[in-house]
N, C-alpha and C. Protein backbone atom coordinates (compact mmCIF):
# COMPACT_ATOMS: atom_id res chain seq x y z
N MET A 1 0.79 -1.46 -0.01
CA MET A 1 0.17 0.03 -0.04
C MET A 1 0.91 1.12 -0.03
N ASN A 2 0.29 2.17 -0.40
CA ASN A 2 0.87 3.41 -0.70
C ASN A 2 0.75 4.62 0.38
N ASP A 3 1.71 5.12 0.98
CA ASP A 3 1.65 5.56 2.58
C ASP A 3 1.25 7.37 1.71
N ALA A 4 0.88 7.53 0.73
CA ALA A 4 0.89 8.88 0.12
C ALA A 4 -0.43 9.72 0.74
N GLY A 5 -0.25 10.68 1.14
CA GLY A 5 -1.24 11.66 2.01
C GLY A 5 -1.64 10.88 3.32
N ALA A 6 -1.12 10.13 4.02
CA ALA A 6 -1.16 9.44 5.08
C ALA A 6 -1.05 10.12 6.74
N SER A 7 -0.53 11.12 6.10
CA SER A 7 -0.34 12.13 7.29
C SER A 7 -1.44 12.57 8.35
N ALA A 8 -1.18 12.74 9.56
CA ALA A 8 -2.50 13.00 10.52
C ALA A 8 -3.17 14.12 9.79
N PRO A 9 -4.50 13.98 9.42
CA PRO A 9 -5.41 15.13 8.78
C PRO A 9 -5.71 16.41 9.93
N ALA A 10 -5.74 17.46 9.40
CA ALA A 10 -6.08 18.41 10.28
C ALA A 10 -7.42 18.00 11.13
N PRO A 11 -7.66 18.94 12.34
CA PRO A 11 -8.94 18.50 13.08
C PRO A 11 -10.07 18.80 12.48
N ASP A 12 -10.18 19.66 11.63
CA ASP A 12 -11.25 20.28 10.99
C ASP A 12 -11.26 19.50 9.30
N PHE A 13 -10.57 18.59 9.15
CA PHE A 13 -10.69 17.91 7.90
C PHE A 13 -12.01 17.26 7.64
N GLU A 14 -12.69 17.69 6.72
CA GLU A 14 -13.73 17.15 6.11
C GLU A 14 -13.81 16.49 4.47
N PRO A 15 -13.72 15.06 4.50
CA PRO A 15 -13.08 14.78 3.28
C PRO A 15 -14.09 14.97 2.11
N LYS A 16 -13.78 14.89 0.76
CA LYS A 16 -14.77 15.35 -0.31
C LYS A 16 -14.73 13.70 -0.71
N ILE A 17 -15.95 13.18 -1.19
CA ILE A 17 -15.69 12.16 -1.86
C ILE A 17 -16.74 12.05 -2.92
N ILE A 18 -16.13 11.63 -3.83
CA ILE A 18 -17.30 11.55 -5.29
C ILE A 18 -17.90 10.10 -5.44
N ALA A 19 -18.77 9.93 -5.50
CA ALA A 19 -19.52 8.68 -5.76
C ALA A 19 -19.84 8.60 -7.34
N PHE A 20 -19.55 7.94 -8.09
CA PHE A 20 -20.24 7.43 -9.49
C PHE A 20 -21.26 6.47 -9.24
N CYS A 21 -22.30 6.75 -9.57
CA CYS A 21 -23.40 5.75 -9.24
C CYS A 21 -24.18 5.31 -10.43
N CYS A 22 -24.46 4.01 -10.55
CA CYS A 22 -25.13 3.50 -11.94
C CYS A 22 -26.84 3.95 -11.64
N TYR A 23 -27.21 4.34 -12.67
CA TYR A 23 -28.52 5.10 -12.31
C TYR A 23 -29.33 3.76 -11.97
N TYR A 24 -29.62 2.48 -12.53
CA TYR A 24 -30.03 1.42 -12.38
C TYR A 24 -30.19 0.85 -10.86
N CYS A 25 -28.94 0.65 -10.55
CA CYS A 25 -28.69 0.20 -9.21
C CYS A 25 -28.17 1.01 -8.00
N ALA A 26 -27.05 1.47 -7.84
CA ALA A 26 -26.43 2.10 -6.83
C ALA A 26 -26.96 3.51 -6.59
N TYR A 27 -27.57 4.24 -7.65
CA TYR A 27 -28.18 5.17 -7.41
C TYR A 27 -29.53 5.39 -6.92
N ALA A 28 -30.22 4.09 -7.09
CA ALA A 28 -31.39 3.79 -6.46
C ALA A 28 -31.47 3.40 -5.06
N ALA A 29 -30.16 2.63 -4.88
CA ALA A 29 -29.62 2.37 -3.49
C ALA A 29 -29.79 3.33 -2.75
N ALA A 30 -28.68 4.52 -3.28
CA ALA A 30 -28.75 5.92 -2.79
C ALA A 30 -29.97 6.47 -2.20
N ASP A 31 -30.90 6.61 -3.27
CA ASP A 31 -32.25 6.98 -3.11
C ASP A 31 -32.96 6.21 -1.79
N LEU A 32 -32.97 5.15 -2.23
CA LEU A 32 -33.58 4.06 -0.84
C LEU A 32 -32.74 4.56 0.45
N ALA A 33 -31.56 4.82 0.33
CA ALA A 33 -31.04 5.00 1.55
C ALA A 33 -31.85 6.33 2.51
N GLY A 34 -31.85 7.23 1.33
CA GLY A 34 -32.45 8.62 1.82
C GLY A 34 -33.80 8.42 2.13
N ALA A 35 -34.63 7.58 1.30
CA ALA A 35 -36.10 7.18 1.97
C ALA A 35 -36.28 6.53 3.13
N MET A 36 -35.12 5.61 3.34
CA MET A 36 -35.09 4.84 4.67
C MET A 36 -34.79 6.03 5.87
N ARG A 37 -34.35 7.10 5.66
CA ARG A 37 -34.02 7.92 6.55
C ARG A 37 -32.35 7.41 7.30
N LEU A 38 -31.68 6.76 6.23
CA LEU A 38 -30.30 6.27 6.80
C LEU A 38 -29.35 7.29 6.84
N GLN A 39 -28.62 7.25 7.79
CA GLN A 39 -27.61 8.32 8.01
C GLN A 39 -26.06 7.87 7.33
N TYR A 40 -25.78 8.50 6.41
CA TYR A 40 -24.33 8.56 5.87
C TYR A 40 -23.73 9.83 5.76
N PRO A 41 -22.36 9.99 5.79
CA PRO A 41 -21.83 11.47 5.73
C PRO A 41 -22.22 12.31 4.43
N ALA A 42 -22.32 13.59 4.98
CA ALA A 42 -22.80 14.58 3.82
C ALA A 42 -21.75 15.04 2.85
N SER A 43 -20.39 14.46 3.42
CA SER A 43 -19.39 14.59 2.34
C SER A 43 -19.53 14.03 0.89
N ILE A 44 -20.24 13.06 1.09
CA ILE A 44 -20.53 12.31 0.02
C ILE A 44 -21.56 12.93 -1.29
N ARG A 45 -20.76 13.25 -2.68
CA ARG A 45 -21.24 13.73 -3.57
C ARG A 45 -21.57 12.90 -4.60
N LEU A 46 -22.80 12.45 -4.75
CA LEU A 46 -23.49 11.63 -6.20
C LEU A 46 -23.36 12.02 -7.56
N ILE A 47 -22.94 11.56 -8.21
CA ILE A 47 -23.01 11.79 -9.75
C ILE A 47 -23.42 10.26 -10.24
N GLU A 48 -24.59 10.66 -11.11
CA GLU A 48 -25.53 9.72 -11.68
C GLU A 48 -24.98 9.23 -13.12
N MET A 49 -24.61 8.11 -13.29
CA MET A 49 -24.10 7.34 -14.34
C MET A 49 -25.24 6.87 -15.07
N PRO A 50 -25.20 6.69 -16.43
CA PRO A 50 -26.14 5.51 -17.12
C PRO A 50 -25.74 4.28 -16.74
N CYS A 51 -24.55 4.17 -16.69
CA CYS A 51 -24.11 2.63 -16.23
C CYS A 51 -22.80 2.84 -15.73
N SER A 52 -22.29 2.05 -14.64
CA SER A 52 -20.88 2.08 -14.14
C SER A 52 -19.92 2.08 -15.15
N GLY A 53 -20.51 1.33 -16.42
CA GLY A 53 -19.28 1.04 -17.61
C GLY A 53 -19.10 2.40 -18.46
N LYS A 54 -19.60 3.26 -18.03
CA LYS A 54 -19.36 4.59 -18.59
C LYS A 54 -18.36 5.17 -18.18
N ILE A 55 -17.97 4.62 -16.99
CA ILE A 55 -16.82 5.47 -16.22
C ILE A 55 -15.50 5.16 -16.86
N GLU A 56 -14.68 6.67 -17.15
CA GLU A 56 -13.51 6.39 -18.10
C GLU A 56 -12.60 6.88 -17.18
N PRO A 57 -11.20 6.34 -17.30
CA PRO A 57 -10.05 6.58 -16.34
C PRO A 57 -10.12 8.00 -16.49
N ASN A 58 -10.04 8.95 -17.54
CA ASN A 58 -9.71 10.30 -17.12
C ASN A 58 -10.83 11.02 -16.58
N LEU A 59 -11.96 10.45 -16.36
CA LEU A 59 -12.87 10.76 -15.65
C LEU A 59 -12.65 10.73 -14.03
N LEU A 60 -12.19 9.36 -13.83
CA LEU A 60 -11.55 9.29 -12.44
C LEU A 60 -10.73 10.28 -11.92
N LEU A 61 -9.54 10.25 -12.91
CA LEU A 61 -8.40 11.28 -12.42
C LEU A 61 -8.73 12.76 -12.37
N ALA A 62 -9.84 12.93 -13.11
CA ALA A 62 -10.42 14.40 -13.04
C ALA A 62 -10.92 14.63 -11.71
N ALA A 63 -11.60 13.57 -11.63
CA ALA A 63 -12.20 13.75 -9.89
C ALA A 63 -11.18 14.32 -8.90
N PHE A 64 -10.02 13.41 -8.83
CA PHE A 64 -9.06 13.94 -7.76
C PHE A 64 -8.34 15.31 -8.21
N GLU A 65 -8.24 15.63 -9.57
CA GLU A 65 -7.39 16.70 -10.08
C GLU A 65 -8.38 17.73 -9.41
N GLU A 66 -9.59 17.76 -9.53
CA GLU A 66 -10.79 18.97 -9.06
C GLU A 66 -10.73 18.98 -7.54
N GLY A 67 -9.99 17.71 -6.92
CA GLY A 67 -9.89 18.16 -5.46
C GLY A 67 -10.62 16.95 -4.69
N ALA A 68 -11.11 16.00 -5.31
CA ALA A 68 -11.57 14.89 -4.37
C ALA A 68 -10.55 14.35 -3.63
N ASP A 69 -10.86 13.75 -2.39
CA ASP A 69 -10.08 13.02 -1.48
C ASP A 69 -10.11 11.76 -1.57
N GLY A 70 -11.25 11.17 -2.15
CA GLY A 70 -11.62 10.05 -2.43
C GLY A 70 -12.74 9.87 -3.43
N VAL A 71 -12.73 8.58 -4.12
CA VAL A 71 -13.78 8.20 -5.07
C VAL A 71 -14.06 6.68 -5.10
N PHE A 72 -15.31 6.67 -5.29
CA PHE A 72 -15.92 5.21 -5.62
C PHE A 72 -16.95 5.29 -6.81
N VAL A 73 -16.90 4.24 -7.47
CA VAL A 73 -17.74 3.80 -8.35
C VAL A 73 -18.69 2.77 -7.92
N ALA A 74 -19.56 3.08 -7.93
CA ALA A 74 -20.94 1.88 -7.63
C ALA A 74 -21.85 1.44 -8.63
N GLY A 75 -21.83 0.32 -8.88
CA GLY A 75 -22.34 -0.48 -9.87
C GLY A 75 -23.45 -1.54 -9.78
N CYS A 76 -24.12 -2.00 -10.37
CA CYS A 76 -24.85 -3.35 -10.21
C CYS A 76 -24.21 -4.35 -9.71
N LEU A 77 -25.04 -5.35 -9.44
CA LEU A 77 -24.19 -6.62 -9.02
C LEU A 77 -23.56 -7.14 -10.02
N GLU A 78 -22.53 -8.06 -10.12
CA GLU A 78 -21.88 -8.76 -11.25
C GLU A 78 -22.85 -9.66 -11.69
N GLY A 79 -23.04 -9.75 -13.01
CA GLY A 79 -23.83 -10.62 -13.52
C GLY A 79 -25.37 -10.18 -13.54
N ASP A 80 -25.56 -8.87 -13.26
CA ASP A 80 -26.88 -8.44 -13.14
C ASP A 80 -26.68 -6.79 -13.78
N CYS A 81 -25.79 -6.63 -14.65
CA CYS A 81 -25.91 -5.44 -15.37
C CYS A 81 -26.98 -5.29 -16.44
N HIS A 82 -27.72 -4.02 -16.12
CA HIS A 82 -28.42 -3.58 -17.27
C HIS A 82 -28.11 -3.33 -18.68
N PHE A 83 -26.69 -3.42 -18.68
CA PHE A 83 -26.14 -3.21 -19.82
C PHE A 83 -25.14 -4.44 -20.41
N LEU A 84 -25.13 -5.65 -19.58
CA LEU A 84 -24.56 -6.66 -19.75
C LEU A 84 -23.24 -6.90 -18.99
N ARG A 85 -22.34 -6.19 -19.35
CA ARG A 85 -20.88 -6.13 -18.95
C ARG A 85 -20.54 -4.66 -18.32
N GLY A 86 -21.47 -3.91 -18.36
CA GLY A 86 -20.91 -2.56 -17.76
C GLY A 86 -20.11 -2.47 -16.69
N ASN A 87 -20.56 -3.52 -15.74
CA ASN A 87 -19.96 -3.26 -14.29
C ASN A 87 -18.28 -4.12 -14.47
N ILE A 88 -18.42 -4.76 -15.31
CA ILE A 88 -17.27 -5.54 -15.26
C ILE A 88 -16.10 -4.64 -16.18
N ARG A 89 -16.64 -3.89 -17.29
CA ARG A 89 -15.64 -3.03 -17.80
C ARG A 89 -15.28 -2.01 -16.49
N ALA A 90 -16.31 -1.56 -15.84
CA ALA A 90 -15.96 -0.68 -14.86
C ALA A 90 -15.01 -0.78 -13.78
N LYS A 91 -15.10 -2.34 -13.37
CA LYS A 91 -13.97 -2.96 -12.29
C LYS A 91 -12.64 -2.96 -12.97
N LYS A 92 -12.39 -3.37 -14.32
CA LYS A 92 -11.00 -3.29 -14.72
C LYS A 92 -10.67 -1.87 -14.93
N ARG A 93 -11.51 -0.67 -15.36
CA ARG A 93 -10.96 0.47 -15.33
C ARG A 93 -10.40 1.21 -14.03
N VAL A 94 -11.31 0.76 -13.03
CA VAL A 94 -11.18 1.44 -11.35
C VAL A 94 -9.82 0.35 -11.15
N ALA A 95 -9.51 -0.80 -11.59
CA ALA A 95 -8.22 -1.21 -11.16
C ALA A 95 -7.21 -0.59 -11.86
N TYR A 96 -7.22 -0.22 -12.97
CA TYR A 96 -6.31 0.27 -13.75
C TYR A 96 -6.01 1.49 -13.21
N VAL A 97 -6.92 2.55 -12.86
CA VAL A 97 -6.70 3.65 -11.97
C VAL A 97 -6.10 3.68 -10.83
N LYS A 98 -6.38 2.78 -10.04
CA LYS A 98 -5.87 2.26 -8.86
C LYS A 98 -4.20 2.45 -8.92
N LYS A 99 -3.93 1.48 -10.03
CA LYS A 99 -2.18 1.44 -10.22
C LYS A 99 -1.74 2.89 -10.50
N LEU A 100 -2.39 3.36 -11.40
CA LEU A 100 -2.14 4.84 -11.71
C LEU A 100 -1.80 5.81 -10.56
N LEU A 101 -2.83 5.71 -9.67
CA LEU A 101 -2.73 6.72 -8.46
C LEU A 101 -1.56 6.25 -7.49
N ASP A 102 -1.29 4.99 -7.52
CA ASP A 102 -0.27 4.57 -6.63
C ASP A 102 1.10 5.03 -7.34
N ALA A 103 1.13 4.94 -8.39
CA ALA A 103 2.37 5.42 -9.31
C ALA A 103 2.46 6.79 -9.01
N LEU A 104 1.38 7.62 -9.15
CA LEU A 104 1.55 9.25 -9.14
C LEU A 104 2.02 9.51 -7.46
N GLY A 105 1.76 8.45 -6.65
CA GLY A 105 1.93 9.06 -5.40
C GLY A 105 0.95 9.31 -4.58
N ILE A 106 -0.34 9.39 -5.35
CA ILE A 106 -1.47 9.82 -4.87
C ILE A 106 -2.22 8.74 -3.71
N GLY A 107 -2.50 7.30 -4.11
CA GLY A 107 -2.73 6.34 -3.52
C GLY A 107 -3.84 5.63 -4.20
N GLY A 108 -3.85 4.57 -4.32
CA GLY A 108 -5.00 3.67 -4.87
C GLY A 108 -5.65 3.40 -4.11
N GLU A 109 -5.79 3.45 -2.77
CA GLU A 109 -6.53 3.00 -1.74
C GLU A 109 -7.73 4.10 -1.61
N ARG A 110 -7.27 5.08 -2.33
CA ARG A 110 -8.37 6.33 -2.39
C ARG A 110 -9.46 6.19 -3.42
N LEU A 111 -9.46 5.01 -4.22
CA LEU A 111 -10.35 4.77 -5.16
C LEU A 111 -10.78 3.41 -5.01
N GLU A 112 -12.20 3.15 -4.96
CA GLU A 112 -12.80 1.68 -4.77
C GLU A 112 -14.12 1.75 -5.81
N MET A 113 -14.29 0.28 -6.22
CA MET A 113 -15.24 -0.04 -7.10
C MET A 113 -16.01 -0.91 -5.99
N PHE A 114 -17.72 -0.60 -5.99
CA PHE A 114 -18.48 -1.56 -5.32
C PHE A 114 -19.55 -1.98 -5.98
N ASN A 115 -20.25 -3.12 -5.82
CA ASN A 115 -21.28 -3.44 -6.39
C ASN A 115 -22.79 -3.53 -5.35
N ILE A 116 -23.65 -2.91 -5.93
CA ILE A 116 -24.41 -2.98 -4.94
C ILE A 116 -26.09 -3.08 -5.56
N PRO A 117 -26.97 -3.58 -5.06
CA PRO A 117 -28.24 -3.97 -5.63
C PRO A 117 -29.09 -2.56 -5.61
N SER A 118 -29.98 -2.67 -6.27
CA SER A 118 -31.15 -1.45 -6.16
C SER A 118 -31.71 -1.12 -4.83
N SER A 119 -31.99 -2.56 -4.19
CA SER A 119 -32.33 -2.62 -2.97
C SER A 119 -31.42 -2.70 -1.72
N GLY A 120 -30.27 -2.07 -1.93
CA GLY A 120 -29.08 -1.95 -1.02
C GLY A 120 -29.09 -0.58 -0.40
N GLY A 121 -30.21 0.08 0.04
CA GLY A 121 -29.77 1.46 0.73
C GLY A 121 -29.21 1.29 1.86
N PRO A 122 -29.25 0.27 2.81
CA PRO A 122 -28.19 -0.12 4.02
C PRO A 122 -26.78 -0.16 3.70
N ARG A 123 -26.66 -0.90 2.61
CA ARG A 123 -25.33 -1.23 1.97
C ARG A 123 -24.60 0.10 1.73
N PHE A 124 -25.65 0.96 0.85
CA PHE A 124 -24.80 2.16 0.45
C PHE A 124 -24.11 2.87 1.53
N ALA A 125 -25.39 3.28 2.64
CA ALA A 125 -24.72 3.71 3.72
C ALA A 125 -23.72 3.55 4.24
N GLU A 126 -23.66 1.81 4.40
CA GLU A 126 -22.52 1.55 5.06
C GLU A 126 -21.34 1.69 4.25
N ILE A 127 -21.16 1.58 2.88
CA ILE A 127 -20.01 1.82 2.02
C ILE A 127 -19.74 3.53 2.12
N SER A 128 -20.49 4.31 2.02
CA SER A 128 -20.48 5.90 2.41
C SER A 128 -19.47 5.88 3.59
N ARG A 129 -20.11 5.31 4.76
CA ARG A 129 -19.21 5.55 6.03
C ARG A 129 -17.89 4.93 5.99
N GLU A 130 -17.62 3.82 5.12
CA GLU A 130 -16.36 3.03 5.30
C GLU A 130 -15.57 4.06 4.62
N MET A 131 -15.71 4.17 3.13
CA MET A 131 -15.07 5.15 2.56
C MET A 131 -14.91 6.58 3.15
N THR A 132 -15.58 7.07 4.08
CA THR A 132 -15.32 8.12 4.80
C THR A 132 -14.04 7.90 5.81
N GLU A 133 -14.34 6.91 6.67
CA GLU A 133 -13.32 6.54 7.69
C GLU A 133 -12.03 6.33 7.12
N ARG A 134 -12.12 5.57 5.84
CA ARG A 134 -10.44 5.26 5.09
C ARG A 134 -10.23 6.59 4.97
N ILE A 135 -10.65 7.65 4.22
CA ILE A 135 -10.35 8.92 3.69
C ILE A 135 -9.75 9.63 5.09
N LEU A 136 -10.43 9.57 5.84
CA LEU A 136 -10.03 10.46 7.36
C LEU A 136 -8.96 9.81 7.97
N LYS A 137 -8.73 8.52 7.67
CA LYS A 137 -7.23 8.06 7.97
C LYS A 137 -6.34 8.65 6.97
N LEU A 138 -6.54 8.44 5.91
CA LEU A 138 -5.34 9.02 4.75
C LEU A 138 -5.12 10.31 4.97
N GLY A 139 -6.10 11.22 5.20
CA GLY A 139 -5.89 12.61 5.09
C GLY A 139 -6.36 13.31 3.84
N PRO A 140 -6.13 14.51 3.58
CA PRO A 140 -6.51 15.15 2.28
C PRO A 140 -5.63 14.68 1.15
N SER A 141 -6.20 14.72 -0.03
CA SER A 141 -5.50 14.32 -1.16
C SER A 141 -4.28 15.10 -1.53
N PRO A 142 -3.19 14.81 -1.84
CA PRO A 142 -2.15 15.74 -2.23
C PRO A 142 -2.45 16.69 -3.61
N LEU A 143 -3.45 16.23 -4.25
CA LEU A 143 -4.02 17.26 -5.17
C LEU A 143 -5.36 18.19 -4.91
N ARG A 144 -5.51 17.99 -3.65
CA ARG A 144 -6.91 18.98 -3.09
C ARG A 144 -6.55 20.34 -3.10
N ARG A 145 -7.42 20.82 -3.61
CA ARG A 145 -7.52 22.57 -3.99
C ARG A 145 -8.69 22.72 -2.80
N SER A 146 -8.59 23.83 -2.03
CA SER A 146 -9.33 24.55 -1.06
C SER A 146 -10.45 25.04 -1.69
N THR A 147 -11.57 25.12 -1.37
CA THR A 147 -12.79 25.78 -1.78
C THR A 147 -13.60 26.34 -0.77
N LYS A 148 -14.29 27.57 -0.88
CA LYS A 148 -15.19 27.95 0.07
C LYS A 148 -16.17 27.08 0.69
N ASP A 149 -16.93 26.60 -0.35
CA ASP A 149 -18.14 25.59 0.07
C ASP A 149 -17.89 24.27 -0.08
N GLY A 150 -16.88 23.74 -0.80
CA GLY A 150 -16.53 22.45 -1.02
C GLY A 150 -17.16 21.56 -2.05
N THR A 151 -17.65 22.36 -3.13
CA THR A 151 -18.55 21.93 -4.03
C THR A 151 -17.69 22.07 -5.33
N ALA A 152 -16.83 22.96 -5.55
CA ALA A 152 -16.59 23.12 -7.08
C ALA A 152 -16.04 22.03 -7.53
N GLY A 153 -14.98 21.20 -6.55
CA GLY A 153 -14.47 20.02 -7.62
C GLY A 153 -15.69 18.83 -7.92
N ALA A 154 -16.61 18.86 -7.06
CA ALA A 154 -17.75 17.80 -7.64
C ALA A 154 -18.58 18.55 -8.77
N ASN A 155 -18.80 19.76 -8.77
CA ASN A 155 -19.27 20.74 -9.91
C ASN A 155 -18.71 20.48 -11.20
N SER A 156 -17.17 20.64 -11.07
CA SER A 156 -16.37 20.71 -12.04
C SER A 156 -16.48 19.28 -12.91
N VAL A 157 -16.39 18.01 -11.99
CA VAL A 157 -16.48 16.88 -12.57
C VAL A 157 -17.70 16.38 -13.31
N LEU A 158 -18.70 17.03 -12.62
CA LEU A 158 -20.31 16.86 -13.19
C LEU A 158 -20.30 17.66 -14.55
N GLU A 159 -19.74 18.61 -14.80
CA GLU A 159 -19.63 19.38 -15.89
C GLU A 159 -18.83 18.46 -17.17
N THR A 160 -17.75 17.90 -16.50
CA THR A 160 -17.07 16.76 -17.16
C THR A 160 -17.81 15.69 -18.10
N VAL A 161 -18.57 15.27 -16.93
CA VAL A 161 -19.37 13.99 -17.37
C VAL A 161 -20.37 14.79 -18.28
N LYS A 162 -21.08 15.64 -18.14
CA LYS A 162 -22.25 16.19 -19.08
C LYS A 162 -21.35 16.28 -20.52
N LYS A 163 -20.37 16.59 -20.59
CA LYS A 163 -19.29 16.87 -21.83
C LYS A 163 -19.55 15.47 -22.51
N GLN A 164 -19.40 14.39 -21.97
CA GLN A 164 -19.05 13.37 -22.59
C GLN A 164 -20.28 12.42 -23.23
């Protein structure tokens, strides 16, 4: 494991985590978590994707470049993708970018892939808490830019998604 960014975070550090969520499963699970009033960190910024297979390495890297401390991709359960193999494609791309992040000194542990069914509201909340705890231990990303409201990075990544 890479120790990049593993220094003790400032006491007021609130991680910025981008979650690229498949519309059919993971985004529905996030919606269900909200409907069930399950608590998960407000630092998670959801970006709805038509399929996790639409995630491209440059988009994942852009999230970090724009100030994300952590990123996760959430798609359908393996073998249950609405677009047949989109989640398998996403898993391979995430694994590739994790290696790039390690090579760049940012740390591959800042990126993860999860498979969540649409009925997985509790699991989505749990993953959100797990990722937040992980990023809190790692501290701010070496690429993080400070913003007043903390939304500039997420908004910029969202604009990149819309352009694709």
